[in-house]
Amino acid sequence: MAVRNKIKEFVESQGMSVYAFREKTGIANKTAYDLVNTPSQIPSGNVISKICDAFEVQPNEILEWVPNAGKGKAA
């Protein structure tokens, strides 16, 4: 996995429920719950924009790059 979402941690750090997160961002109910419950699900560009606009944050607040374990470095 090269990228994971940090939306669960973000929502918890805001002290809000998934419902409140969904309401503030305007994203679909299923999308909000899927993103919170599945770190491997990467939001679309449109959803990233909605979250960043609603909370006035950079994408790195909700996404992170995770190096692949066990892969060697290129020579």
PDB file of N, CA and C in Angstrom:
ATOM      1  N   MET A   1       0.858  -1.171   0.000  1.00  0.00           N
ATOM      2  CA  MET A   1       0.000   0.000   0.000  1.00  0.00           C
ATOM      3  C   MET A   1       0.899   1.226   0.000  1.00  0.00           C
ATOM      4  N   ALA A   2       0.775   2.068  -0.957  1.00  0.00           N
ATOM      5  CA  ALA A   2       1.617   3.252  -1.053  1.00  0.00           C
ATOM      6  C   ALA A   2       0.998   4.477  -0.382  1.00  0.00           C
ATOM      7  N   VAL A   3      -0.319   4.577  -0.383  1.00  0.00           N
ATOM      8  CA  VAL A   3      -1.011   5.716   0.215  1.00  0.00           C
ATOM      9  C   VAL A   3      -2.173   5.187   1.045  1.00  0.00           C
ATOM     10  N   ARG A   4      -2.406   5.817   2.183  1.00  0.00           N
ATOM     11  CA  ARG A   4      -3.580   5.465   2.992  1.00  0.00           C
ATOM     12  C   ARG A   4      -4.248   6.754   3.431  1.00  0.00           C
ATOM     13  N   ASN A   5      -5.529   6.651   3.727  1.00  0.00           N
ATOM     14  CA  ASN A   5      -6.208   7.837   4.226  1.00  0.00           C
ATOM     15  C   ASN A   5      -6.146   7.855   5.752  1.00  0.00           C
ATOM     16  N   LYS A   6      -6.084   9.056   6.307  1.00  0.00           N
ATOM     17  CA  LYS A   6      -6.033   9.262   7.752  1.00  0.00           C
ATOM     18  C   LYS A   6      -7.328   9.925   8.225  1.00  0.00           C
ATOM     19  N   ILE A   7      -8.407   9.640   7.522  1.00  0.00           N
ATOM     20  CA  ILE A   7      -9.658  10.346   7.793  1.00  0.00           C
ATOM     21  C   ILE A   7     -10.235   9.985   9.161  1.00  0.00           C
ATOM     22  N   LYS A   8     -10.118   8.728   9.571  1.00  0.00           N
ATOM     23  CA  LYS A   8     -10.620   8.351  10.903  1.00  0.00           C
ATOM     24  C   LYS A   8      -9.913   9.168  11.977  1.00  0.00           C
ATOM     25  N   GLU A   9      -8.580   9.232  11.904  1.00  0.00           N
ATOM     26  CA  GLU A   9      -7.816  10.001  12.876  1.00  0.00           C
ATOM     27  C   GLU A   9      -8.172  11.483  12.809  1.00  0.00           C
ATOM     28  N   PHE A  10      -8.371  11.986  11.585  1.00  0.00           N
ATOM     29  CA  PHE A  10      -8.727  13.386  11.395  1.00  0.00           C
ATOM     30  C   PHE A  10     -10.082  13.694  12.030  1.00  0.00           C
ATOM     31  N   VAL A  11     -11.075  12.849  11.751  1.00  0.00           N
ATOM     32  CA  VAL A  11     -12.419  13.055  12.304  1.00  0.00           C
ATOM     33  C   VAL A  11     -12.365  13.018  13.831  1.00  0.00           C
ATOM     34  N   GLU A  12     -11.636  12.045  14.384  1.00  0.00           N
ATOM     35  CA  GLU A  12     -11.515  11.947  15.838  1.00  0.00           C
ATOM     36  C   GLU A  12     -10.811  13.172  16.424  1.00  0.00           C
ATOM     37  N   SER A  13      -9.788  13.678  15.732  1.00  0.00           N
ATOM     38  CA  SER A  13      -9.061  14.852  16.230  1.00  0.00           C
ATOM     39  C   SER A  13      -9.947  16.101  16.229  1.00  0.00           C
ATOM     40  N   GLN A  14     -10.958  16.105  15.371  1.00  0.00           N
ATOM     41  CA  GLN A  14     -11.898  17.226  15.318  1.00  0.00           C
ATOM     42  C   GLN A  14     -13.005  17.080  16.357  1.00  0.00           C
ATOM     43  N   GLY A  15     -13.045  15.911  17.026  1.00  0.00           N
ATOM     44  CA  GLY A  15     -14.064  15.668  18.045  1.00  0.00           C
ATOM     45  C   GLY A  15     -15.461  15.565  17.471  1.00  0.00           C
ATOM     46  N   MET A  16     -15.551  15.031  16.251  1.00  0.00           N
ATOM     47  CA  MET A  16     -16.862  14.954  15.617  1.00  0.00           C
ATOM     48  C   MET A  16     -17.209  13.531  15.217  1.00  0.00           C
ATOM     49  N   SER A  17     -18.477  13.314  14.992  1.00  0.00           N
ATOM     50  CA  SER A  17     -18.953  12.021  14.516  1.00  0.00           C
ATOM     51  C   SER A  17     -18.794  11.954  13.003  1.00  0.00           C
ATOM     52  N   VAL A  18     -18.917  10.756  12.471  1.00  0.00           N
ATOM     53  CA  VAL A  18     -18.864  10.601  11.019  1.00  0.00           C
ATOM     54  C   VAL A  18     -20.033  11.351  10.390  1.00  0.00           C
ATOM     55  N   TYR A  19     -21.173  11.334  11.052  1.00  0.00           N
ATOM     56  CA  TYR A  19     -22.348  12.054  10.549  1.00  0.00           C
ATOM     57  C   TYR A  19     -22.046  13.551  10.432  1.00  0.00           C
ATOM     58  N   ALA A  20     -21.454  14.132  11.470  1.00  0.00           N
ATOM     59  CA  ALA A  20     -21.126  15.559  11.438  1.00  0.00           C
ATOM     60  C   ALA A  20     -20.085  15.855  10.353  1.00  0.00           C
ATOM     61  N   PHE A  21     -19.112  14.956  10.194  1.00  0.00           N
ATOM     62  CA  PHE A  21     -18.107  15.080   9.136  1.00  0.00           C
ATOM     63  C   PHE A  21     -18.779  15.093   7.767  1.00  0.00           C
ATOM     64  N   ARG A  22     -19.698  14.174   7.562  1.00  0.00           N
ATOM     65  CA  ARG A  22     -20.424  14.079   6.294  1.00  0.00           C
ATOM     66  C   ARG A  22     -21.240  15.339   6.040  1.00  0.00           C
ATOM     67  N   GLU A  23     -21.915  15.805   7.060  1.00  0.00           N
ATOM     68  CA  GLU A  23     -22.723  17.012   6.912  1.00  0.00           C
ATOM     69  C   GLU A  23     -21.869  18.232   6.565  1.00  0.00           C
ATOM     70  N   LYS A  24     -20.725  18.374   7.235  1.00  0.00           N
ATOM     71  CA  LYS A  24     -19.870  19.546   7.006  1.00  0.00           C
ATOM     72  C   LYS A  24     -19.245  19.523   5.616  1.00  0.00           C
ATOM     73  N   THR A  25     -18.881  18.332   5.124  1.00  0.00           N
ATOM     74  CA  THR A  25     -18.205  18.234   3.839  1.00  0.00           C
ATOM     75  C   THR A  25     -19.167  18.124   2.656  1.00  0.00           C
ATOM     76  N   GLY A  26     -20.357  17.599   2.902  1.00  0.00           N
ATOM     77  CA  GLY A  26     -21.318  17.404   1.816  1.00  0.00           C
ATOM     78  C   GLY A  26     -21.046  16.159   0.988  1.00  0.00           C
ATOM     79  N   ILE A  27     -20.199  15.252   1.503  1.00  0.00           N
ATOM     80  CA  ILE A  27     -19.954  14.014   0.754  1.00  0.00           C
ATOM     81  C   ILE A  27     -21.039  12.995   1.082  1.00  0.00           C
ATOM     82  N   ALA A  28     -21.173  12.012   0.233  1.00  0.00           N
ATOM     83  CA  ALA A  28     -22.213  10.997   0.394  1.00  0.00           C
ATOM     84  C   ALA A  28     -22.007  10.200   1.681  1.00  0.00           C
ATOM     85  N   ASN A  29     -23.101   9.764   2.269  1.00  0.00           N
ATOM     86  CA  ASN A  29     -23.085   8.997   3.507  1.00  0.00           C
ATOM     87  C   ASN A  29     -22.182   7.767   3.394  1.00  0.00           C
ATOM     88  N   LYS A  30     -22.371   6.967   2.367  1.00  0.00           N
ATOM     89  CA  LYS A  30     -21.573   5.747   2.184  1.00  0.00           C
ATOM     90  C   LYS A  30     -20.099   6.092   2.022  1.00  0.00           C
ATOM     91  N   THR A  31     -19.811   7.120   1.267  1.00  0.00           N
ATOM     92  CA  THR A  31     -18.422   7.537   1.059  1.00  0.00           C
ATOM     93  C   THR A  31     -17.774   7.918   2.389  1.00  0.00           C
ATOM     94  N   ALA A  32     -18.457   8.700   3.199  1.00  0.00           N
ATOM     95  CA  ALA A  32     -17.912   9.139   4.488  1.00  0.00           C
ATOM     96  C   ALA A  32     -17.607   7.939   5.378  1.00  0.00           C
ATOM     97  N   TYR A  33     -18.571   7.033   5.518  1.00  0.00           N
ATOM     98  CA  TYR A  33     -18.358   5.868   6.381  1.00  0.00           C
ATOM     99  C   TYR A  33     -17.289   4.941   5.815  1.00  0.00           C
ATOM    100  N   ASP A  34     -17.257   4.761   4.512  1.00  0.00           N
ATOM    101  CA  ASP A  34     -16.220   3.919   3.899  1.00  0.00           C
ATOM    102  C   ASP A  34     -14.832   4.500   4.129  1.00  0.00           C
ATOM    103  N   LEU A  35     -14.684   5.797   3.969  1.00  0.00           N
ATOM    104  CA  LEU A  35     -13.383   6.428   4.170  1.00  0.00           C
ATOM    105  C   LEU A  35     -12.916   6.326   5.624  1.00  0.00           C
ATOM    106  N   VAL A  36     -13.840   6.490   6.555  1.00  0.00           N
ATOM    107  CA  VAL A  36     -13.482   6.401   7.977  1.00  0.00           C
ATOM    108  C   VAL A  36     -13.114   4.967   8.355  1.00  0.00           C
ATOM    109  N   ASN A  37     -13.815   4.004   7.812  1.00  0.00           N
ATOM    110  CA  ASN A  37     -13.625   2.610   8.217  1.00  0.00           C
ATOM    111  C   ASN A  37     -12.614   1.833   7.388  1.00  0.00           C
ATOM    112  N   THR A  38     -12.159   2.389   6.267  1.00  0.00           N
ATOM    113  CA  THR A  38     -11.250   1.665   5.375  1.00  0.00           C
ATOM    114  C   THR A  38     -10.077   2.564   4.979  1.00  0.00           C
ATOM    115  N   PRO A  39      -8.976   2.498   5.729  1.00  0.00           N
ATOM    116  CA  PRO A  39      -7.827   3.364   5.429  1.00  0.00           C
ATOM    117  C   PRO A  39      -7.239   3.161   4.034  1.00  0.00           C
ATOM    118  N   SER A  40      -7.452   1.997   3.441  1.00  0.00           N
ATOM    119  CA  SER A  40      -6.901   1.764   2.099  1.00  0.00           C
ATOM    120  C   SER A  40      -7.738   2.418   1.002  1.00  0.00           C
ATOM    121  N   GLN A  41      -8.936   2.896   1.346  1.00  0.00           N
ATOM    122  CA  GLN A  41      -9.768   3.576   0.348  1.00  0.00           C
ATOM    123  C   GLN A  41      -9.283   5.010   0.194  1.00  0.00           C
ATOM    124  N   ILE A  42      -8.908   5.354  -1.021  1.00  0.00           N
ATOM    125  CA  ILE A  42      -8.406   6.697  -1.306  1.00  0.00           C
ATOM    126  C   ILE A  42      -9.534   7.519  -1.922  1.00  0.00           C
ATOM    127  N   PRO A  43      -9.817   8.675  -1.344  1.00  0.00           N
ATOM    128  CA  PRO A  43     -10.900   9.501  -1.883  1.00  0.00           C
ATOM    129  C   PRO A  43     -10.557  10.065  -3.261  1.00  0.00           C
ATOM    130  N   SER A  44     -11.595  10.311  -4.038  1.00  0.00           N
ATOM    131  CA  SER A  44     -11.407  10.938  -5.350  1.00  0.00           C
ATOM    132  C   SER A  44     -10.928  12.375  -5.156  1.00  0.00           C
ATOM    133  N   GLY A  45     -10.445  12.958  -6.220  1.00  0.00           N
ATOM    134  CA  GLY A  45     -10.002  14.350  -6.171  1.00  0.00           C
ATOM    135  C   GLY A  45     -11.109  15.285  -5.725  1.00  0.00           C
ATOM    136  N   ASN A  46     -12.328  15.030  -6.185  1.00  0.00           N
ATOM    137  CA  ASN A  46     -13.473  15.850  -5.811  1.00  0.00           C
ATOM    138  C   ASN A  46     -13.741  15.768  -4.313  1.00  0.00           C
ATOM    139  N   VAL A  47     -13.670  14.566  -3.757  1.00  0.00           N
ATOM    140  CA  VAL A  47     -13.906  14.383  -2.320  1.00  0.00           C
ATOM    141  C   VAL A  47     -12.779  15.021  -1.510  1.00  0.00           C
ATOM    142  N   ILE A  48     -11.544  14.864  -1.960  1.00  0.00           N
ATOM    143  CA  ILE A  48     -10.417  15.513  -1.277  1.00  0.00           C
ATOM    144  C   ILE A  48     -10.645  17.026  -1.244  1.00  0.00           C
ATOM    145  N   SER A  49     -11.066  17.596  -2.355  1.00  0.00           N
ATOM    146  CA  SER A  49     -11.326  19.043  -2.419  1.00  0.00           C
ATOM    147  C   SER A  49     -12.425  19.454  -1.447  1.00  0.00           C
ATOM    148  N   LYS A  50     -13.492  18.670  -1.375  1.00  0.00           N
ATOM    149  CA  LYS A  50     -14.593  18.991  -0.455  1.00  0.00           C
ATOM    150  C   LYS A  50     -14.132  18.976   0.996  1.00  0.00           C
ATOM    151  N   ILE A  51     -13.336  17.966   1.357  1.00  0.00           N
ATOM    152  CA  ILE A  51     -12.840  17.871   2.736  1.00  0.00           C
ATOM    153  C   ILE A  51     -11.899  19.033   3.037  1.00  0.00           C
ATOM    154  N   CYS A  52     -10.955  19.277   2.135  1.00  0.00           N
ATOM    155  CA  CYS A  52      -9.983  20.353   2.351  1.00  0.00           C
ATOM    156  C   CYS A  52     -10.661  21.724   2.414  1.00  0.00           C
ATOM    157  N   ASP A  53     -11.646  21.949   1.551  1.00  0.00           N
ATOM    158  CA  ASP A  53     -12.375  23.220   1.569  1.00  0.00           C
ATOM    159  C   ASP A  53     -13.171  23.385   2.867  1.00  0.00           C
ATOM    160  N   ALA A  54     -13.851  22.322   3.290  1.00  0.00           N
ATOM    161  CA  ALA A  54     -14.701  22.398   4.479  1.00  0.00           C
ATOM    162  C   ALA A  54     -13.897  22.677   5.746  1.00  0.00           C
ATOM    163  N   PHE A  55     -12.709  22.085   5.838  1.00  0.00           N
ATOM    164  CA  PHE A  55     -11.907  22.225   7.047  1.00  0.00           C
ATOM    165  C   PHE A  55     -10.705  23.158   6.892  1.00  0.00           C
ATOM    166  N   GLU A  56     -10.523  23.668   5.671  1.00  0.00           N
ATOM    167  CA  GLU A  56      -9.395  24.552   5.357  1.00  0.00           C
ATOM    168  C   GLU A  56      -8.071  23.908   5.763  1.00  0.00           C
ATOM    169  N   VAL A  57      -7.846  22.682   5.236  1.00  0.00           N
ATOM    170  CA  VAL A  57      -6.624  21.927   5.502  1.00  0.00           C
ATOM    171  C   VAL A  57      -5.980  21.508   4.186  1.00  0.00           C
ATOM    172  N   GLN A  58      -4.716  21.125   4.267  1.00  0.00           N
ATOM    173  CA  GLN A  58      -3.994  20.587   3.124  1.00  0.00           C
ATOM    174  C   GLN A  58      -4.286  19.088   3.014  1.00  0.00           C
ATOM    175  N   PRO A  59      -4.153  18.504   1.816  1.00  0.00           N
ATOM    176  CA  PRO A  59      -4.410  17.067   1.651  1.00  0.00           C
ATOM    177  C   PRO A  59      -3.573  16.170   2.562  1.00  0.00           C
ATOM    178  N   ASN A  60      -2.392  16.617   2.984  1.00  0.00           N
ATOM    179  CA  ASN A  60      -1.578  15.773   3.858  1.00  0.00           C
ATOM    180  C   ASN A  60      -2.195  15.588   5.242  1.00  0.00           C
ATOM    181  N   GLU A  61      -3.235  16.348   5.558  1.00  0.00           N
ATOM    182  CA  GLU A  61      -3.951  16.156   6.816  1.00  0.00           C
ATOM    183  C   GLU A  61      -4.836  14.908   6.766  1.00  0.00           C
ATOM    184  N   ILE A  62      -5.196  14.478   5.561  1.00  0.00           N
ATOM    185  CA  ILE A  62      -6.105  13.333   5.428  1.00  0.00           C
ATOM    186  C   ILE A  62      -5.512  12.161   4.663  1.00  0.00           C
ATOM    187  N   LEU A  63      -4.343  12.357   4.065  1.00  0.00           N
ATOM    188  CA  LEU A  63      -3.675  11.294   3.304  1.00  0.00           C
ATOM    189  C   LEU A  63      -2.224  11.197   3.738  1.00  0.00           C
ATOM    190  N   GLU A  64      -1.672   9.985   3.680  1.00  0.00           N
ATOM    191  CA  GLU A  64      -0.248   9.832   3.936  1.00  0.00           C
ATOM    192  C   GLU A  64       0.339   8.743   3.060  1.00  0.00           C
ATOM    193  N   TRP A  65       1.577   8.957   2.669  1.00  0.00           N
ATOM    194  CA  TRP A  65       2.320   7.979   1.905  1.00  0.00           C
ATOM    195  C   TRP A  65       2.952   7.006   2.889  1.00  0.00           C
ATOM    196  N   VAL A  66       2.809   5.707   2.595  1.00  0.00           N
ATOM    197  CA  VAL A  66       3.377   4.669   3.452  1.00  0.00           C
ATOM    198  C   VAL A  66       4.342   3.855   2.603  1.00  0.00           C
ATOM    199  N   PRO A  67       5.612   3.833   2.976  1.00  0.00           N
ATOM    200  CA  PRO A  67       6.576   3.051   2.184  1.00  0.00           C
ATOM    201  C   PRO A  67       6.235   1.568   2.232  1.00  0.00           C
ATOM    202  N   ASN A  68       6.494   0.886   1.132  1.00  0.00           N
ATOM    203  CA  ASN A  68       6.246  -0.557   1.088  1.00  0.00           C
ATOM    204  C   ASN A  68       7.297  -1.263   1.904  1.00  0.00           C
ATOM    205  N   ALA A  69       6.859  -2.021   2.886  1.00  0.00           N
ATOM    206  CA  ALA A  69       7.782  -2.775   3.727  1.00  0.00           C
ATOM    207  C   ALA A  69       8.403  -3.913   2.912  1.00  0.00           C
ATOM    208  N   GLY A  70       9.677  -4.129   3.113  1.00  0.00           N
ATOM    209  CA  GLY A  70      10.343  -5.251   2.455  1.00  0.00           C
ATOM    210  C   GLY A  70      10.902  -4.936   1.078  1.00  0.00           C
ATOM    211  N   LYS A  71      10.599  -3.785   0.526  1.00  0.00           N
ATOM    212  CA  LYS A  71      11.138  -3.433  -0.790  1.00  0.00           C
ATOM    213  C   LYS A  71      12.494  -2.787  -0.612  1.00  0.00           C
ATOM    214  N   GLY A  72      13.445  -3.219  -1.417  1.00  0.00           N
ATOM    215  CA  GLY A  72      14.780  -2.641  -1.362  1.00  0.00           C
ATOM    216  C   GLY A  72      14.825  -1.311  -2.066  1.00  0.00           C
ATOM    217  N   LYS A  73      15.819  -0.518  -1.732  1.00  0.00           N
ATOM    218  CA  LYS A  73      15.993   0.761  -2.397  1.00  0.00           C
ATOM    219  C   LYS A  73      16.639   0.555  -3.747  1.00  0.00           C
ATOM    220  N   ALA A  74      16.275   1.401  -4.676  1.00  0.00           N
ATOM    221  CA  ALA A  74      16.870   1.327  -6.031  1.00  0.00           C
ATOM    222  C   ALA A  74      18.352   1.673  -5.938  1.00  0.00           C
ATOM    223  N   ALA A  75      19.134   0.994  -6.738  1.00  0.00           N
ATOM    224  CA  ALA A  75      20.565   1.224  -6.697  1.00  0.00           C
ATOM    225  C   ALA A  75      20.954   2.439  -7.491  1.00  0.00           C
TER     226      ALA A  75
END
